[in-house]
Amino acid sequence: HWEAQVQPVVSPTGVLAIESLGPIEVNTLPFYQVKMEDLTTYTIPLYEPMTNKERYLIDAFEKAFQSGKRVRVAYRDSVYFGDYNVPVSVRTVNGGVA
């Protein structure tokens, strides 16, 4: 949550399809990872205390993936966990237009 206070939000630039998603483990900590068609990876912590927003983001990614919708994602870079992008918002897109 420290990163959410100090890291700037990177605005979304493209609309992408989700290639894969699901739980992973990094240094014994559980995360939820989403890989996009351009190989960008978004990672959400799964350890408690999880926020309602984190739960919502996972749900939004899963619904978009299941329906085949493309998404636009705003994110923060993660300083603490290395080369991970932490999503801030996920918007589904219909027909390539948000």
Protein backbone atom coordinates (compact mmCIF):
# COMPACT_ATOMS: atom_id res chain seq x y z
CA HIS A 1 0.00 0.00 0.00
CA TRP A 2 3.04 2.25 0.39
CA GLU A 3 3.52 2.22 -3.39
CA ALA A 4 -0.04 3.44 -3.91
CA GLN A 5 0.88 6.56 -1.96
CA VAL A 6 4.19 7.38 -3.64
CA GLN A 7 4.28 5.83 -7.13
CA PRO A 8 2.63 7.78 -9.96
CA VAL A 9 -0.13 6.16 -11.99
CA VAL A 10 0.85 5.30 -15.57
CA SER A 11 -2.08 6.08 -17.82
CA PRO A 12 -3.22 3.38 -20.24
CA THR A 13 -2.05 3.81 -23.81
CA GLY A 14 -3.56 0.82 -25.57
CA VAL A 15 -6.40 -1.65 -25.60
CA LEU A 16 -5.16 -5.22 -25.24
CA ALA A 17 -6.41 -8.77 -25.00
CA ILE A 18 -5.59 -10.86 -21.94
CA GLU A 19 -3.43 -13.87 -22.82
CA SER A 20 -3.43 -15.63 -19.44
CA LEU A 21 -4.22 -15.07 -15.79
CA GLY A 22 -4.12 -16.83 -12.45
CA PRO A 23 -2.32 -17.21 -9.14
CA ILE A 24 1.47 -17.37 -8.86
CA GLU A 25 3.97 -17.37 -6.01
CA VAL A 26 6.88 -14.92 -5.75
CA ASN A 27 9.34 -15.46 -2.90
CA THR A 28 6.71 -17.52 -1.04
CA LEU A 29 4.08 -14.75 -1.35
CA PRO A 30 0.87 -15.34 -3.34
CA PHE A 31 0.01 -13.02 -6.22
CA TYR A 32 -2.52 -12.92 -9.03
CA GLN A 33 -0.83 -12.34 -12.39
CA VAL A 34 -2.33 -11.18 -15.68
CA LYS A 35 -0.32 -11.42 -18.92
CA MET A 36 -1.39 -9.31 -21.87
CA GLU A 37 -0.99 -9.93 -25.59
CA ASP A 38 1.94 -7.48 -25.73
CA LEU A 39 3.67 -9.44 -22.91
CA THR A 40 2.97 -6.74 -20.31
CA THR A 41 2.35 -8.36 -16.93
CA TYR A 42 0.15 -7.01 -14.13
CA THR A 43 0.42 -8.41 -10.62
CA ILE A 44 -1.95 -8.09 -7.66
CA PRO A 45 -1.00 -9.26 -4.13
CA LEU A 46 -3.24 -12.05 -2.82
CA TYR A 47 -2.06 -11.95 0.79
CA GLU A 48 -4.14 -10.29 3.50
CA PRO A 49 -5.13 -7.63 4.11
CA MET A 50 -6.48 -7.48 0.55
CA THR A 51 -8.48 -4.39 -0.30
CA ASN A 52 -11.89 -4.42 -1.94
CA LYS A 53 -10.29 -2.65 -4.89
CA GLU A 54 -7.78 -5.49 -5.35
CA ARG A 55 -10.63 -8.01 -5.29
CA TYR A 56 -12.56 -5.90 -7.81
CA LEU A 57 -9.54 -5.73 -10.16
CA ILE A 58 -9.15 -9.51 -10.13
CA ASP A 59 -12.86 -9.92 -10.83
CA ALA A 60 -12.70 -7.37 -13.69
CA PHE A 61 -9.73 -9.16 -15.30
CA GLU A 62 -11.45 -12.54 -14.99
CA LYS A 63 -14.73 -11.32 -16.48
CA ALA A 64 -12.92 -9.65 -19.39
CA PHE A 65 -10.88 -12.79 -20.04
CA GLN A 66 -13.93 -15.08 -19.92
CA SER A 67 -15.92 -12.85 -22.28
CA GLY A 68 -12.99 -12.24 -24.64
CA LYS A 69 -13.16 -8.47 -24.14
CA ARG A 70 -10.10 -6.31 -24.51
CA VAL A 71 -9.05 -4.05 -21.64
CA ARG A 72 -7.37 -0.75 -20.94
CA VAL A 73 -5.27 -0.80 -17.75
CA ALA A 74 -3.80 2.03 -15.68
CA TYR A 75 -1.04 0.87 -13.31
CA ARG A 76 1.82 1.74 -10.97
CA ASP A 77 5.31 0.35 -11.24
CA SER A 78 6.29 -1.76 -8.25
CA VAL A 79 9.50 -0.74 -6.54
CA TYR A 80 9.08 -3.26 -3.74
CA PHE A 81 8.46 -6.38 -5.85
CA GLY A 82 10.68 -5.61 -8.83
CA ASP A 83 9.52 -5.71 -12.43
CA TYR A 84 5.81 -5.88 -11.70
CA ASN A 85 3.07 -3.51 -12.74
CA VAL A 86 0.34 -3.14 -10.13
CA PRO A 87 -3.00 -2.33 -11.77
CA VAL A 88 -4.96 0.67 -10.54
CA SER A 89 -7.94 0.40 -12.91
CA VAL A 90 -9.24 -1.99 -15.56
CA ARG A 91 -11.76 -0.92 -18.18
CA THR A 92 -13.31 -3.37 -20.60
CA VAL A 93 -13.59 -2.18 -24.16
CA ASN A 94 -16.25 -2.97 -26.74
CA GLY A 95 -15.14 -3.05 -30.35
CA GLY A 96 -11.83 -1.32 -29.60
CA VAL A 97 -13.47 1.80 -28.15
CA ALA A 98 -13.46 2.48 -24.41
